[in-house]
Amino acid sequence: MPRYDFRCRSCGATFELRRPMAQANDPAVCPQGHEDTVKLLSTVAVTGGAATQQAPAGGGGGGCCGGGCCG
Protein backbone atom coordinates (compact mmCIF):
# COMPACT_ATOMS: atom_id res chain seq x y z
CA MET A 1 0.00 0.00 0.00
CA PRO A 2 1.43 3.44 -0.88
CA ARG A 3 2.70 5.80 1.78
CA TYR A 4 1.79 9.49 1.70
CA ASP A 5 3.44 12.31 3.64
CA PHE A 6 1.40 15.11 5.17
CA ARG A 7 2.13 18.30 7.12
CA CYS A 8 -0.17 19.85 9.67
CA ARG A 9 -0.68 23.59 9.18
CA SER A 10 -1.78 24.02 12.79
CA CYS A 11 1.13 22.44 14.68
CA GLY A 12 3.72 21.91 11.93
CA ALA A 13 3.95 18.14 12.47
CA THR A 14 4.96 16.01 9.50
CA PHE A 15 3.49 12.52 9.39
CA GLU A 16 2.84 9.68 6.97
CA LEU A 17 -0.17 7.54 6.23
CA ARG A 18 -0.49 4.29 4.34
CA ARG A 19 -3.67 4.21 2.30
CA PRO A 20 -4.96 2.93 -1.03
CA MET A 21 -4.23 5.08 -4.08
CA ALA A 22 -7.96 5.72 -4.44
CA GLN A 23 -7.78 7.60 -1.11
CA ALA A 24 -4.55 9.50 -1.88
CA ASN A 25 -6.20 12.93 -1.92
CA ASP A 26 -8.64 12.36 0.94
CA PRO A 27 -8.28 14.68 3.95
CA ALA A 28 -5.97 13.54 6.73
CA VAL A 29 -5.99 14.29 10.45
CA CYS A 30 -2.63 14.82 12.14
CA PRO A 31 -1.63 12.73 15.17
CA GLN A 32 -2.52 15.72 17.41
CA GLY A 33 -6.08 15.75 16.01
CA HIS A 34 -5.81 18.81 13.76
CA GLU A 35 -7.66 18.65 10.47
CA ASP A 36 -5.83 21.46 8.62
CA THR A 37 -3.26 19.32 6.77
CA VAL A 38 -1.70 19.26 3.33
CA LYS A 39 -0.29 16.36 1.36
CA LEU A 40 3.40 16.81 0.59
CA LEU A 41 4.92 16.15 -2.78
CA SER A 42 6.91 12.94 -2.58
CA THR A 43 10.18 12.55 -4.39
CA VAL A 44 11.51 9.35 -5.80
CA ALA A 45 15.20 8.75 -6.19
CA VAL A 46 16.17 6.35 -8.93
CA THR A 47 19.73 5.17 -9.05
CA GLY A 48 21.31 2.58 -11.24
CA GLY A 49 24.61 1.17 -12.24
CA ALA A 50 25.01 1.69 -15.93
CA ALA A 51 27.98 -0.06 -17.46
CA THR A 52 30.81 2.31 -18.22
CA GLN A 53 33.63 1.78 -20.65
CA GLN A 54 37.12 2.00 -19.28
CA ALA A 55 40.37 2.53 -21.07
CA PRO A 56 42.31 -0.68 -21.60
CA ALA A 57 45.04 -1.37 -19.09
CA GLY A 58 48.69 -1.41 -20.03
CA GLY A 59 51.07 0.68 -22.11
CA GLY A 60 50.18 2.53 -25.21
CA GLY A 61 50.48 2.14 -28.87
CA GLY A 62 53.92 2.43 -30.36
CA GLY A 63 55.23 4.33 -33.30
CA CYS A 64 57.10 7.55 -32.81
CA CYS A 65 55.22 8.61 -29.70
CA GLY A 66 55.94 5.94 -27.17
CA GLY A 67 57.10 2.82 -28.87
CA GLY A 68 60.77 3.27 -28.06
CA CYS A 69 61.87 3.01 -31.68
CA CYS A 70 62.87 6.63 -32.13
CA GLY A 71 66.14 7.91 -31.04
PDB file of N, CA and C in Angstrom:
ATOM      1  N   MET A   1       0.852  -1.166   0.000  1.00  0.00           N
ATOM      2  CA  MET A   1       0.000   0.000   0.000  1.00  0.00           C
ATOM      3  C   MET A   1       0.905   1.239   0.000  1.00  0.00           C
ATOM      4  N   PRO A   2       0.592   2.236  -0.806  1.00  0.00           N
ATOM      5  CA  PRO A   2       1.425   3.437  -0.885  1.00  0.00           C
ATOM      6  C   PRO A   2       1.437   4.227   0.419  1.00  0.00           C
ATOM      7  N   ARG A   3       2.515   4.954   0.604  1.00  0.00           N
ATOM      8  CA  ARG A   3       2.695   5.800   1.781  1.00  0.00           C
ATOM      9  C   ARG A   3       2.668   7.251   1.326  1.00  0.00           C
ATOM     10  N   TYR A   4       1.930   8.081   2.034  1.00  0.00           N
ATOM     11  CA  TYR A   4       1.794   9.491   1.697  1.00  0.00           C
ATOM     12  C   TYR A   4       2.234  10.341   2.880  1.00  0.00           C
ATOM     13  N   ASP A   5       2.969  11.404   2.604  1.00  0.00           N
ATOM     14  CA  ASP A   5       3.442  12.309   3.636  1.00  0.00           C
ATOM     15  C   ASP A   5       2.531  13.529   3.707  1.00  0.00           C
ATOM     16  N   PHE A   6       2.255  13.956   4.934  1.00  0.00           N
ATOM     17  CA  PHE A   6       1.396  15.113   5.174  1.00  0.00           C
ATOM     18  C   PHE A   6       2.083  16.050   6.158  1.00  0.00           C
ATOM     19  N   ARG A   7       1.684  17.318   6.125  1.00  0.00           N
ATOM     20  CA  ARG A   7       2.134  18.298   7.116  1.00  0.00           C
ATOM     21  C   ARG A   7       0.911  19.006   7.673  1.00  0.00           C
ATOM     22  N   CYS A   8       0.916  19.163   8.990  1.00  0.00           N
ATOM     23  CA  CYS A   8      -0.173  19.853   9.671  1.00  0.00           C
ATOM     24  C   CYS A   8       0.110  21.347   9.653  1.00  0.00           C
ATOM     25  N   ARG A   9      -0.843  22.127   9.200  1.00  0.00           N
ATOM     26  CA  ARG A   9      -0.680  23.588   9.177  1.00  0.00           C
ATOM     27  C   ARG A   9      -0.852  24.191  10.567  1.00  0.00           C
ATOM     28  N   SER A  10      -1.540  23.490  11.442  1.00  0.00           N
ATOM     29  CA  SER A  10      -1.780  24.016  12.788  1.00  0.00           C
ATOM     30  C   SER A  10      -0.572  23.875  13.693  1.00  0.00           C
ATOM     31  N   CYS A  11       0.017  22.675  13.742  1.00  0.00           N
ATOM     32  CA  CYS A  11       1.126  22.444  14.677  1.00  0.00           C
ATOM     33  C   CYS A  11       2.470  22.217  13.982  1.00  0.00           C
ATOM     34  N   GLY A  12       2.474  22.088  12.661  1.00  0.00           N
ATOM     35  CA  GLY A  12       3.724  21.906  11.932  1.00  0.00           C
ATOM     36  C   GLY A  12       4.237  20.476  11.885  1.00  0.00           C
ATOM     37  N   ALA A  13       3.511  19.540  12.464  1.00  0.00           N
ATOM     38  CA  ALA A  13       3.950  18.144  12.471  1.00  0.00           C
ATOM     39  C   ALA A  13       3.934  17.572  11.057  1.00  0.00           C
ATOM     40  N   THR A  14       4.921  16.747  10.759  1.00  0.00           N
ATOM     41  CA  THR A  14       4.965  16.014   9.498  1.00  0.00           C
ATOM     42  C   THR A  14       4.727  14.548   9.839  1.00  0.00           C
ATOM     43  N   PHE A  15       3.833  13.909   9.096  1.00  0.00           N
ATOM     44  CA  PHE A  15       3.490  12.515   9.385  1.00  0.00           C
ATOM     45  C   PHE A  15       3.177  11.793   8.087  1.00  0.00           C
ATOM     46  N   GLU A  16       3.135  10.475   8.159  1.00  0.00           N
ATOM     47  CA  GLU A  16       2.844   9.680   6.967  1.00  0.00           C
ATOM     48  C   GLU A  16       1.666   8.754   7.236  1.00  0.00           C
ATOM     49  N   LEU A  17       0.957   8.462   6.172  1.00  0.00           N
ATOM     50  CA  LEU A  17      -0.172   7.545   6.227  1.00  0.00           C
ATOM     51  C   LEU A  17      -0.048   6.542   5.095  1.00  0.00           C
ATOM     52  N   ARG A  18      -0.387   5.316   5.375  1.00  0.00           N
ATOM     53  CA  ARG A  18      -0.492   4.291   4.340  1.00  0.00           C
ATOM     54  C   ARG A  18      -1.976   4.149   4.013  1.00  0.00           C
ATOM     55  N   ARG A  19      -2.272   4.320   2.738  1.00  0.00           N
ATOM     56  CA  ARG A  19      -3.670   4.211   2.304  1.00  0.00           C
ATOM     57  C   ARG A  19      -3.709   3.836   0.837  1.00  0.00           C
ATOM     58  N   PRO A  20      -4.840   3.287   0.391  1.00  0.00           N
ATOM     59  CA  PRO A  20      -4.965   2.934  -1.030  1.00  0.00           C
ATOM     60  C   PRO A  20      -4.839   4.171  -1.909  1.00  0.00           C
ATOM     61  N   MET A  21      -4.387   3.972  -3.140  1.00  0.00           N
ATOM     62  CA  MET A  21      -4.234   5.083  -4.076  1.00  0.00           C
ATOM     63  C   MET A  21      -5.549   5.815  -4.315  1.00  0.00           C
ATOM     64  N   ALA A  22      -6.658   5.098  -4.241  1.00  0.00           N
ATOM     65  CA  ALA A  22      -7.959   5.717  -4.437  1.00  0.00           C
ATOM     66  C   ALA A  22      -8.256   6.759  -3.359  1.00  0.00           C
ATOM     67  N   GLN A  23      -7.571   6.671  -2.214  1.00  0.00           N
ATOM     68  CA  GLN A  23      -7.781   7.605  -1.113  1.00  0.00           C
ATOM     69  C   GLN A  23      -6.617   8.588  -0.962  1.00  0.00           C
ATOM     70  N   ALA A  24      -5.760   8.678  -1.969  1.00  0.00           N
ATOM     71  CA  ALA A  24      -4.553   9.499  -1.882  1.00  0.00           C
ATOM     72  C   ALA A  24      -4.844  10.957  -1.567  1.00  0.00           C
ATOM     73  N   ASN A  25      -5.899  11.511  -2.107  1.00  0.00           N
ATOM     74  CA  ASN A  25      -6.200  12.934  -1.916  1.00  0.00           C
ATOM     75  C   ASN A  25      -7.264  13.196  -0.862  1.00  0.00           C
ATOM     76  N   ASP A  26      -7.669  12.163  -0.134  1.00  0.00           N
ATOM     77  CA  ASP A  26      -8.642  12.355   0.938  1.00  0.00           C
ATOM     78  C   ASP A  26      -8.013  13.163   2.071  1.00  0.00           C
ATOM     79  N   PRO A  27      -8.817  13.913   2.819  1.00  0.00           N
ATOM     80  CA  PRO A  27      -8.284  14.680   3.952  1.00  0.00           C
ATOM     81  C   PRO A  27      -7.641  13.754   4.988  1.00  0.00           C
ATOM     82  N   ALA A  28      -6.651  14.297   5.681  1.00  0.00           N
ATOM     83  CA  ALA A  28      -5.970  13.537   6.727  1.00  0.00           C
ATOM     84  C   ALA A  28      -5.986  14.346   8.011  1.00  0.00           C
ATOM     85  N   VAL A  29      -6.034  13.653   9.128  1.00  0.00           N
ATOM     86  CA  VAL A  29      -5.989  14.290  10.447  1.00  0.00           C
ATOM     87  C   VAL A  29      -4.623  13.992  11.042  1.00  0.00           C
ATOM     88  N   CYS A  30      -3.958  15.032  11.565  1.00  0.00           N
ATOM     89  CA  CYS A  30      -2.630  14.824  12.137  1.00  0.00           C
ATOM     90  C   CYS A  30      -2.734  14.041  13.455  1.00  0.00           C
ATOM     91  N   PRO A  31      -1.615  13.492  13.921  1.00  0.00           N
ATOM     92  CA  PRO A  31      -1.635  12.728  15.172  1.00  0.00           C
ATOM     93  C   PRO A  31      -2.123  13.538  16.379  1.00  0.00           C
ATOM     94  N   GLN A  32      -2.045  14.865  16.312  1.00  0.00           N
ATOM     95  CA  GLN A  32      -2.518  15.724  17.407  1.00  0.00           C
ATOM     96  C   GLN A  32      -4.015  16.038  17.288  1.00  0.00           C
ATOM     97  N   GLY A  33      -4.639  15.558  16.191  1.00  0.00           N
ATOM     98  CA  GLY A  33      -6.076  15.751  16.013  1.00  0.00           C
ATOM     99  C   GLY A  33      -6.463  16.936  15.159  1.00  0.00           C
ATOM    100  N   HIS A  34      -5.501  17.659  14.615  1.00  0.00           N
ATOM    101  CA  HIS A  34      -5.810  18.811  13.761  1.00  0.00           C
ATOM    102  C   HIS A  34      -6.218  18.336  12.368  1.00  0.00           C
ATOM    103  N   GLU A  35      -7.160  19.041  11.793  1.00  0.00           N
ATOM    104  CA  GLU A  35      -7.656  18.654  10.465  1.00  0.00           C
ATOM    105  C   GLU A  35      -7.099  19.501   9.331  1.00  0.00           C
ATOM    106  N   ASP A  36      -6.370  20.559   9.642  1.00  0.00           N
ATOM    107  CA  ASP A  36      -5.831  21.458   8.615  1.00  0.00           C
ATOM    108  C   ASP A  36      -4.469  20.929   8.158  1.00  0.00           C
ATOM    109  N   THR A  37      -4.487  19.965   7.243  1.00  0.00           N
ATOM    110  CA  THR A  37      -3.263  19.322   6.771  1.00  0.00           C
ATOM    111  C   THR A  37      -3.164  19.423   5.258  1.00  0.00           C
ATOM    112  N   VAL A  38      -1.941  19.287   4.763  1.00  0.00           N
ATOM    113  CA  VAL A  38      -1.698  19.262   3.328  1.00  0.00           C
ATOM    114  C   VAL A  38      -0.842  18.050   2.993  1.00  0.00           C
ATOM    115  N   LYS A  39      -1.103  17.483   1.831  1.00  0.00           N
ATOM    116  CA  LYS A  39      -0.287  16.360   1.363  1.00  0.00           C
ATOM    117  C   LYS A  39       0.978  16.922   0.741  1.00  0.00           C
ATOM    118  N   LEU A  40       2.120  16.350   1.118  1.00  0.00           N
ATOM    119  CA  LEU A  40       3.398  16.805   0.594  1.00  0.00           C
ATOM    120  C   LEU A  40       3.728  16.082  -0.699  1.00  0.00           C
ATOM    121  N   LEU A  41       4.465  16.746  -1.539  1.00  0.00           N
ATOM    122  CA  LEU A  41       4.920  16.150  -2.782  1.00  0.00           C
ATOM    123  C   LEU A  41       6.043  15.178  -2.459  1.00  0.00           C
ATOM    124  N   SER A  42       5.885  13.947  -2.835  1.00  0.00           N
ATOM    125  CA  SER A  42       6.908  12.943  -2.580  1.00  0.00           C
ATOM    126  C   SER A  42       7.906  12.937  -3.719  1.00  0.00           C
ATOM    127  N   THR A  43       9.142  12.668  -3.376  1.00  0.00           N
ATOM    128  CA  THR A  43      10.179  12.550  -4.392  1.00  0.00           C
ATOM    129  C   THR A  43      10.650  11.110  -4.443  1.00  0.00           C
ATOM    130  N   VAL A  44      11.023  10.702  -5.609  1.00  0.00           N
ATOM    131  CA  VAL A  44      11.511   9.347  -5.804  1.00  0.00           C
ATOM    132  C   VAL A  44      12.916   9.437  -6.359  1.00  0.00           C
ATOM    133  N   ALA A  45      13.822   8.774  -5.705  1.00  0.00           N
ATOM    134  CA  ALA A  45      15.201   8.746  -6.186  1.00  0.00           C
ATOM    135  C   ALA A  45      15.427   7.435  -6.919  1.00  0.00           C
ATOM    136  N   VAL A  46      15.884   7.543  -8.137  1.00  0.00           N
ATOM    137  CA  VAL A  46      16.167   6.353  -8.927  1.00  0.00           C
ATOM    138  C   VAL A  46      17.657   6.347  -9.215  1.00  0.00           C
ATOM    139  N   THR A  47      18.305   5.299  -8.785  1.00  0.00           N
ATOM    140  CA  THR A  47      19.729   5.170  -9.054  1.00  0.00           C
ATOM    141  C   THR A  47      19.959   3.858  -9.757  1.00  0.00           C
ATOM    142  N   GLY A  48      21.006   3.805 -10.532  1.00  0.00           N
ATOM    143  CA  GLY A  48      21.310   2.581 -11.244  1.00  0.00           C
ATOM    144  C   GLY A  48      22.778   2.511 -11.535  1.00  0.00           C
ATOM    145  N   GLY A  49      23.206   1.363 -11.909  1.00  0.00           N
ATOM    146  CA  GLY A  49      24.608   1.174 -12.239  1.00  0.00           C
ATOM    147  C   GLY A  49      24.750   0.867 -13.713  1.00  0.00           C
ATOM    148  N   ALA A  50      24.808   1.890 -14.504  1.00  0.00           N
ATOM    149  CA  ALA A  50      25.014   1.693 -15.931  1.00  0.00           C
ATOM    150  C   ALA A  50      26.451   1.260 -16.180  1.00  0.00           C
ATOM    151  N   ALA A  51      26.631   0.398 -17.120  1.00  0.00           N
ATOM    152  CA  ALA A  51      27.978  -0.064 -17.458  1.00  0.00           C
ATOM    153  C   ALA A  51      28.757   1.086 -18.091  1.00  0.00           C
ATOM    154  N   THR A  52      29.967   1.265 -17.651  1.00  0.00           N
ATOM    155  CA  THR A  52      30.807   2.312 -18.219  1.00  0.00           C
ATOM    156  C   THR A  52      32.007   1.678 -18.880  1.00  0.00           C
ATOM    157  N   GLN A  53      32.458   2.285 -19.967  1.00  0.00           N
ATOM    158  CA  GLN A  53      33.634   1.781 -20.650  1.00  0.00           C
ATOM    159  C   GLN A  53      34.863   2.369 -20.007  1.00  0.00           C
ATOM    160  N   GLN A  54      35.870   1.549 -19.855  1.00  0.00           N
ATOM    161  CA  GLN A  54      37.119   2.002 -19.279  1.00  0.00           C
ATOM    162  C   GLN A  54      38.221   1.823 -20.301  1.00  0.00           C
ATOM    163  N   ALA A  55      39.226   2.651 -20.179  1.00  0.00           N
ATOM    164  CA  ALA A  55      40.373   2.529 -21.069  1.00  0.00           C
ATOM    165  C   ALA A  55      41.084   1.216 -20.786  1.00  0.00           C
ATOM    166  N   PRO A  56      41.608   0.572 -21.820  1.00  0.00           N
ATOM    167  CA  PRO A  56      42.309  -0.679 -21.598  1.00  0.00           C
ATOM    168  C   PRO A  56      43.550  -0.466 -20.738  1.00  0.00           C
ATOM    169  N   ALA A  57      43.872  -1.447 -19.956  1.00  0.00           N
ATOM    170  CA  ALA A  57      45.044  -1.369 -19.086  1.00  0.00           C
ATOM    171  C   ALA A  57      46.303  -1.616 -19.882  1.00  0.00           C
ATOM    172  N   GLY A  58      47.411  -1.132 -19.379  1.00  0.00           N
ATOM    173  CA  GLY A  58      48.688  -1.410 -20.033  1.00  0.00           C
ATOM    174  C   GLY A  58      49.238  -0.189 -20.754  1.00  0.00           C
ATOM    175  N   GLY A  59      50.383  -0.396 -21.399  1.00  0.00           N
ATOM    176  CA  GLY A  59      51.072   0.683 -22.114  1.00  0.00           C
ATOM    177  C   GLY A  59      50.354   1.052 -23.375  1.00  0.00           C
ATOM    178  N   GLY A  60      50.845   2.010 -24.032  1.00  0.00           N
ATOM    179  CA  GLY A  60      50.180   2.530 -25.211  1.00  0.00           C
ATOM    180  C   GLY A  60      50.636   1.921 -26.486  1.00  0.00           C
ATOM    181  N   GLY A  61      50.413   2.606 -27.509  1.00  0.00           N
ATOM    182  CA  GLY A  61      50.476   2.140 -28.866  1.00  0.00           C
ATOM    183  C   GLY A  61      51.819   1.866 -29.470  1.00  0.00           C
ATOM    184  N   GLY A  62      52.696   2.681 -29.606  1.00  0.00           N
ATOM    185  CA  GLY A  62      53.920   2.425 -30.355  1.00  0.00           C
ATOM    186  C   GLY A  62      54.142   3.539 -31.341  1.00  0.00           C
ATOM    187  N   GLY A  63      54.917   3.283 -32.344  1.00  0.00           N
ATOM    188  CA  GLY A  63      55.229   4.327 -33.298  1.00  0.00           C
ATOM    189  C   GLY A  63      56.172   5.344 -32.697  1.00  0.00           C
ATOM    190  N   CYS A  64      56.156   6.510 -33.238  1.00  0.00           N
ATOM    191  CA  CYS A  64      57.103   7.548 -32.805  1.00  0.00           C
ATOM    192  C   CYS A  64      56.757   8.172 -31.473  1.00  0.00           C
ATOM    193  N   CYS A  65      55.581   7.925 -30.944  1.00  0.00           N
ATOM    194  CA  CYS A  65      55.223   8.607 -29.703  1.00  0.00           C
ATOM    195  C   CYS A  65      55.063   7.639 -28.549  1.00  0.00           C
ATOM    196  N   GLY A  66      56.030   6.795 -28.338  1.00  0.00           N
ATOM    197  CA  GLY A  66      55.938   5.945 -27.165  1.00  0.00           C
ATOM    198  C   GLY A  66      56.374   4.520 -27.403  1.00  0.00           C
ATOM    199  N   GLY A  67      56.723   4.185 -28.603  1.00  0.00           N
ATOM    200  CA  GLY A  67      57.095   2.816 -28.872  1.00  0.00           C
ATOM    201  C   GLY A  67      58.552   2.504 -28.610  1.00  0.00           C
ATOM    202  N   GLY A  68      59.357   3.498 -28.365  1.00  0.00           N
ATOM    203  CA  GLY A  68      60.774   3.267 -28.056  1.00  0.00           C
ATOM    204  C   GLY A  68      61.623   3.040 -29.277  1.00  0.00           C
ATOM    205  N   CYS A  69      61.097   3.264 -30.465  1.00  0.00           N
ATOM    206  CA  CYS A  69      61.871   3.012 -31.677  1.00  0.00           C
ATOM    207  C   CYS A  69      62.624   4.250 -32.154  1.00  0.00           C
ATOM    208  N   CYS A  70      62.258   5.386 -31.675  1.00  0.00           N
ATOM    209  CA  CYS A  70      62.873   6.631 -32.130  1.00  0.00           C
ATOM    210  C   CYS A  70      64.016   7.008 -31.196  1.00  0.00           C
ATOM    211  N   GLY A  71      64.949   7.637 -31.723  1.00  0.00           N
ATOM    212  CA  GLY A  71      66.135   7.908 -31.042  1.00  0.00           C
ATOM    213  C   GLY A  71      66.234   8.973 -30.112  1.00  0.00           C
TER     214      GLY A  71
END
